[in-house]
Amino acid sequence: MIGWASVPYDPKWAYDHPRSSAQMSAAGPAANLILVLISVLFIRLGVSAGVFVPPDSVSFTHVIEAASGGSLNTVALLLDVFFSLNLLLLVFNLLPIPPLDGSGIVPLFLKRTHAQKYIEAVHSGAISFIGIVVAWNLFDYVYEPLHLSMVNLLFYGIAQYG
């Protein structure tokens, strides 16, 4: 799977600079949002040009179909995965559960002293482990309805779906 990344991280720096740390946490989800929007643009352009069509049924890897088949099937599959994977990463990383980026964004909304206390609390190994287990179990309830809603928005205004 594409999308796993890690950078050197100093928890003391985060404690000393909670606002900058929160902005850094927001960078990954922001990049995923931009990539989702780029895929939406290409899908919408392809549908408008008659290159792609909405499928009869939608899944993670089946958001659009090539109108004429052939090598465009590969392009459609790449756009399907590009859209769905970046949406998945965006949603998963925005869950406000440590150690996900969503929990790192929380200090943006707190006063400095509260942000520092929050950072101290969430940077324990036990909380991170519990957070991953909770996020993993919660994710199916969040992602599937959101994916379907986003696909409906993707095709909004197109005669078959609008």
C-alpha atoms as a PDB file:
ATOM      1  CA  MET A   1       0.000   0.000   0.000  1.00  0.00           C
ATOM      2  CA  ILE A   2       1.205   3.491  -0.817  1.00  0.00           C
ATOM      3  CA  GLY A   3       0.968   6.224   1.749  1.00  0.00           C
ATOM      4  CA  TRP A   4       2.941   5.202   4.802  1.00  0.00           C
ATOM      5  CA  ALA A   5       5.407   7.873   5.842  1.00  0.00           C
ATOM      6  CA  SER A   6       7.440   8.807   8.827  1.00  0.00           C
ATOM      7  CA  VAL A   7       9.717  11.714   9.644  1.00  0.00           C
ATOM      8  CA  PRO A   8      12.168  12.269  12.501  1.00  0.00           C
ATOM      9  CA  TYR A   9      10.165  13.688  15.374  1.00  0.00           C
ATOM     10  CA  ASP A  10      11.288  15.243  18.630  1.00  0.00           C
ATOM     11  CA  PRO A  11       8.526  15.244  21.286  1.00  0.00           C
ATOM     12  CA  LYS A  12      10.366  17.991  23.169  1.00  0.00           C
ATOM     13  CA  TRP A  13      10.135  20.219  20.094  1.00  0.00           C
ATOM     14  CA  ALA A  14       6.384  19.539  19.945  1.00  0.00           C
ATOM     15  CA  TYR A  15       6.064  20.457  23.615  1.00  0.00           C
ATOM     16  CA  ASP A  16       8.037  23.681  23.093  1.00  0.00           C
ATOM     17  CA  HIS A  17       6.181  24.581  19.891  1.00  0.00           C
ATOM     18  CA  PRO A  18       2.642  23.148  20.157  1.00  0.00           C
ATOM     19  CA  ARG A  19       1.164  25.367  17.445  1.00  0.00           C
ATOM     20  CA  SER A  20       3.895  24.523  14.907  1.00  0.00           C
ATOM     21  CA  SER A  21       3.600  20.861  15.828  1.00  0.00           C
ATOM     22  CA  ALA A  22      -0.150  20.975  15.207  1.00  0.00           C
ATOM     23  CA  GLN A  23       0.390  22.636  11.836  1.00  0.00           C
ATOM     24  CA  MET A  24       2.890  19.911  10.962  1.00  0.00           C
ATOM     25  CA  SER A  25       0.284  17.284  11.904  1.00  0.00           C
ATOM     26  CA  ALA A  26      -2.195  18.954   9.574  1.00  0.00           C
ATOM     27  CA  ALA A  27       0.200  18.813   6.604  1.00  0.00           C
ATOM     28  CA  GLY A  28      -0.362  15.109   5.830  1.00  0.00           C
ATOM     29  CA  PRO A  29      -4.168  15.247   5.799  1.00  0.00           C
ATOM     30  CA  ALA A  30      -3.992  18.519   3.832  1.00  0.00           C
ATOM     31  CA  ALA A  31      -1.831  16.813   1.206  1.00  0.00           C
ATOM     32  CA  ASN A  32      -4.318  13.924   1.038  1.00  0.00           C
ATOM     33  CA  LEU A  33      -7.179  16.400   0.600  1.00  0.00           C
ATOM     34  CA  ILE A  34      -5.363  18.093  -2.276  1.00  0.00           C
ATOM     35  CA  LEU A  35      -4.734  14.700  -3.919  1.00  0.00           C
ATOM     36  CA  VAL A  36      -8.423  13.766  -3.520  1.00  0.00           C
ATOM     37  CA  LEU A  37      -9.417  17.062  -5.146  1.00  0.00           C
ATOM     38  CA  ILE A  38      -6.974  16.474  -8.016  1.00  0.00           C
ATOM     39  CA  SER A  39      -8.448  13.026  -8.618  1.00  0.00           C
ATOM     40  CA  VAL A  40     -11.965  14.523  -8.487  1.00  0.00           C
ATOM     41  CA  LEU A  41     -10.911  17.062 -11.101  1.00  0.00           C
ATOM     42  CA  PHE A  42      -9.560  14.365 -13.449  1.00  0.00           C
ATOM     43  CA  ILE A  43     -12.593  12.135 -12.912  1.00  0.00           C
ATOM     44  CA  ARG A  44     -15.039  14.981 -13.556  1.00  0.00           C
ATOM     45  CA  LEU A  45     -13.100  16.085 -16.656  1.00  0.00           C
ATOM     46  CA  GLY A  46     -13.042  12.493 -17.914  1.00  0.00           C
ATOM     47  CA  VAL A  47     -16.779  12.078 -17.355  1.00  0.00           C
ATOM     48  CA  SER A  48     -17.494  15.416 -19.058  1.00  0.00           C
ATOM     49  CA  ALA A  49     -15.361  14.370 -22.038  1.00  0.00           C
ATOM     50  CA  GLY A  50     -17.099  10.996 -22.253  1.00  0.00           C
ATOM     51  CA  VAL A  51     -13.910   9.099 -21.417  1.00  0.00           C
ATOM     52  CA  PHE A  52     -15.243   7.810 -18.082  1.00  0.00           C
ATOM     53  CA  VAL A  53     -18.715   6.856 -16.901  1.00  0.00           C
ATOM     54  CA  PRO A  54     -20.157   6.234 -13.433  1.00  0.00           C
ATOM     55  CA  PRO A  55     -20.290   2.492 -12.654  1.00  0.00           C
ATOM     56  CA  ASP A  56     -23.446   0.549 -11.889  1.00  0.00           C
ATOM     57  CA  SER A  57     -22.049  -0.232  -8.428  1.00  0.00           C
ATOM     58  CA  VAL A  58     -19.317   1.443  -6.405  1.00  0.00           C
ATOM     59  CA  SER A  59     -16.525  -0.045  -4.302  1.00  0.00           C
ATOM     60  CA  PHE A  60     -13.151   1.095  -2.995  1.00  0.00           C
ATOM     61  CA  THR A  61     -11.441   0.270  -6.301  1.00  0.00           C
ATOM     62  CA  HIS A  62     -14.430   0.904  -8.542  1.00  0.00           C
ATOM     63  CA  VAL A  63     -15.498   4.541  -8.573  1.00  0.00           C
ATOM     64  CA  ILE A  64     -15.473   5.110 -12.346  1.00  0.00           C
ATOM     65  CA  GLU A  65     -15.302   3.025 -15.510  1.00  0.00           C
ATOM     66  CA  ALA A  66     -13.732   3.669 -18.870  1.00  0.00           C
ATOM     67  CA  ALA A  67     -16.422   4.378 -21.433  1.00  0.00           C
ATOM     68  CA  SER A  68     -14.658   2.480 -24.219  1.00  0.00           C
ATOM     69  CA  GLY A  69     -12.481  -0.016 -22.328  1.00  0.00           C
ATOM     70  CA  GLY A  70      -8.976  -0.813 -23.491  1.00  0.00           C
ATOM     71  CA  SER A  71      -6.043   0.984 -21.881  1.00  0.00           C
ATOM     72  CA  LEU A  72      -8.442   3.513 -20.366  1.00  0.00           C
ATOM     73  CA  ASN A  73      -9.496   0.753 -17.946  1.00  0.00           C
ATOM     74  CA  THR A  74      -6.028   1.024 -16.393  1.00  0.00           C
ATOM     75  CA  VAL A  75      -6.314   4.811 -16.134  1.00  0.00           C
ATOM     76  CA  ALA A  76      -9.754   4.445 -14.546  1.00  0.00           C
ATOM     77  CA  LEU A  77      -8.401   1.923 -12.022  1.00  0.00           C
ATOM     78  CA  LEU A  78      -5.498   4.227 -11.128  1.00  0.00           C
ATOM     79  CA  LEU A  79      -7.898   7.136 -10.613  1.00  0.00           C
ATOM     80  CA  ASP A  80     -10.194   4.881  -8.555  1.00  0.00           C
ATOM     81  CA  VAL A  81      -7.364   3.921  -6.221  1.00  0.00           C
ATOM     82  CA  PHE A  82      -5.891   7.438  -6.164  1.00  0.00           C
ATOM     83  CA  PHE A  83      -9.263   8.869  -5.105  1.00  0.00           C
ATOM     84  CA  SER A  84     -10.188   6.172  -2.583  1.00  0.00           C
ATOM     85  CA  LEU A  85      -6.743   5.694  -1.026  1.00  0.00           C
ATOM     86  CA  ASN A  86      -6.185   9.393  -0.453  1.00  0.00           C
ATOM     87  CA  LEU A  87      -9.702   9.753   0.945  1.00  0.00           C
ATOM     88  CA  LEU A  88      -9.002   6.805   3.250  1.00  0.00           C
ATOM     89  CA  LEU A  89      -5.716   8.316   4.451  1.00  0.00           C
ATOM     90  CA  LEU A  90      -7.351  11.728   4.905  1.00  0.00           C
ATOM     91  CA  VAL A  91     -10.185  10.353   7.010  1.00  0.00           C
ATOM     92  CA  PHE A  92      -8.059   7.908   9.013  1.00  0.00           C
ATOM     93  CA  ASN A  93      -5.427  10.503   9.853  1.00  0.00           C
ATOM     94  CA  LEU A  94      -8.021  13.094  10.853  1.00  0.00           C
ATOM     95  CA  LEU A  95      -9.470  10.873  13.566  1.00  0.00           C
ATOM     96  CA  PRO A  96      -8.576  12.776  16.759  1.00  0.00           C
ATOM     97  CA  ILE A  97      -7.091   9.683  18.362  1.00  0.00           C
ATOM     98  CA  PRO A  98      -3.398   9.419  19.319  1.00  0.00           C
ATOM     99  CA  PRO A  99      -1.049   8.745  17.552  1.00  0.00           C
ATOM    100  CA  LEU A 100      -2.901   9.792  14.389  1.00  0.00           C
ATOM    101  CA  ASP A 101      -2.420  13.265  12.907  1.00  0.00           C
ATOM    102  CA  GLY A 102      -5.925  14.249  13.978  1.00  0.00           C
ATOM    103  CA  SER A 103      -4.845  14.145  17.600  1.00  0.00           C
ATOM    104  CA  GLY A 104      -1.800  16.242  16.747  1.00  0.00           C
ATOM    105  CA  ILE A 105      -4.048  18.937  15.286  1.00  0.00           C
ATOM    106  CA  VAL A 106      -5.972  19.385  18.555  1.00  0.00           C
ATOM    107  CA  PRO A 107      -3.374  21.800  20.066  1.00  0.00           C
ATOM    108  CA  LEU A 108      -4.262  24.347  17.364  1.00  0.00           C
ATOM    109  CA  PHE A 109      -7.493  24.906  19.281  1.00  0.00           C
ATOM    110  CA  LEU A 110      -5.981  25.072  22.779  1.00  0.00           C
ATOM    111  CA  LYS A 111      -4.130  27.712  24.767  1.00  0.00           C
ATOM    112  CA  ARG A 112      -0.388  27.045  24.945  1.00  0.00           C
ATOM    113  CA  THR A 113      -0.429  25.664  28.515  1.00  0.00           C
ATOM    114  CA  HIS A 114      -3.367  23.375  27.758  1.00  0.00           C
ATOM    115  CA  ALA A 115      -1.737  22.306  24.492  1.00  0.00           C
ATOM    116  CA  GLN A 116       1.459  21.371  26.347  1.00  0.00           C
ATOM    117  CA  LYS A 117      -0.496  19.314  28.888  1.00  0.00           C
ATOM    118  CA  TYR A 118      -2.370  17.609  26.057  1.00  0.00           C
ATOM    119  CA  ILE A 119       0.893  16.792  24.244  1.00  0.00           C
ATOM    120  CA  GLU A 120       2.345  15.309  27.435  1.00  0.00           C
ATOM    121  CA  ALA A 121      -0.743  13.160  27.930  1.00  0.00           C
ATOM    122  CA  VAL A 122      -0.932  11.722  24.415  1.00  0.00           C
ATOM    123  CA  HIS A 123       2.750  10.906  23.962  1.00  0.00           C
ATOM    124  CA  SER A 124       2.801   7.689  25.925  1.00  0.00           C
ATOM    125  CA  GLY A 125       3.293   4.331  24.234  1.00  0.00           C
ATOM    126  CA  ALA A 126       0.240   2.829  25.935  1.00  0.00           C
ATOM    127  CA  ILE A 127      -2.075   5.600  24.764  1.00  0.00           C
ATOM    128  CA  SER A 128      -0.731   5.300  21.213  1.00  0.00           C
ATOM    129  CA  PHE A 129      -1.309   1.553  21.176  1.00  0.00           C
ATOM    130  CA  ILE A 130      -4.835   1.897  22.556  1.00  0.00           C
ATOM    131  CA  GLY A 131      -5.480   4.719  20.084  1.00  0.00           C
ATOM    132  CA  ILE A 132      -4.507   2.570  17.093  1.00  0.00           C
ATOM    133  CA  VAL A 133      -6.801  -0.248  18.278  1.00  0.00           C
ATOM    134  CA  VAL A 134      -9.703   2.171  18.807  1.00  0.00           C
ATOM    135  CA  ALA A 135      -9.120   3.919  15.460  1.00  0.00           C
ATOM    136  CA  TRP A 136      -8.901   0.602  13.615  1.00  0.00           C
ATOM    137  CA  ASN A 137     -12.230  -0.535  15.072  1.00  0.00           C
ATOM    138  CA  LEU A 138     -13.943   2.829  14.608  1.00  0.00           C
ATOM    139  CA  PHE A 139     -12.735   3.387  11.058  1.00  0.00           C
ATOM    140  CA  ASP A 140     -15.164   1.070   9.233  1.00  0.00           C
ATOM    141  CA  TYR A 141     -18.108   2.919  10.746  1.00  0.00           C
ATOM    142  CA  VAL A 142     -16.701   6.248   9.620  1.00  0.00           C
ATOM    143  CA  TYR A 143     -15.134   5.516   6.233  1.00  0.00           C
ATOM    144  CA  GLU A 144     -17.703   3.480   4.318  1.00  0.00           C
ATOM    145  CA  PRO A 145     -20.574   5.992   4.634  1.00  0.00           C
ATOM    146  CA  LEU A 146     -18.190   8.871   3.956  1.00  0.00           C
ATOM    147  CA  HIS A 147     -16.763   7.151   0.844  1.00  0.00           C
ATOM    148  CA  LEU A 148     -20.271   6.628  -0.524  1.00  0.00           C
ATOM    149  CA  SER A 149     -21.195  10.249   0.241  1.00  0.00           C
ATOM    150  CA  MET A 150     -18.071  11.487  -1.512  1.00  0.00           C
ATOM    151  CA  VAL A 151     -18.820   9.346  -4.572  1.00  0.00           C
ATOM    152  CA  ASN A 152     -22.343  10.777  -4.648  1.00  0.00           C
ATOM    153  CA  LEU A 153     -20.858  14.293  -4.500  1.00  0.00           C
ATOM    154  CA  LEU A 154     -18.356  13.313  -7.178  1.00  0.00           C
ATOM    155  CA  PHE A 155     -21.184  12.548  -9.578  1.00  0.00           C
ATOM    156  CA  TYR A 156     -23.533  15.322  -8.418  1.00  0.00           C
ATOM    157  CA  GLY A 157     -25.042  17.065 -11.395  1.00  0.00           C
ATOM    158  CA  ILE A 158     -24.431  14.224 -13.799  1.00  0.00           C
ATOM    159  CA  ALA A 159     -27.786  13.146 -15.236  1.00  0.00           C
ATOM    160  CA  GLN A 160     -27.582   9.539 -14.033  1.00  0.00           C
ATOM    161  CA  TYR A 161     -26.660  10.530 -10.430  1.00  0.00           C
ATOM    162  CA  GLY A 162     -27.703  14.175  -9.885  1.00  0.00           C
END
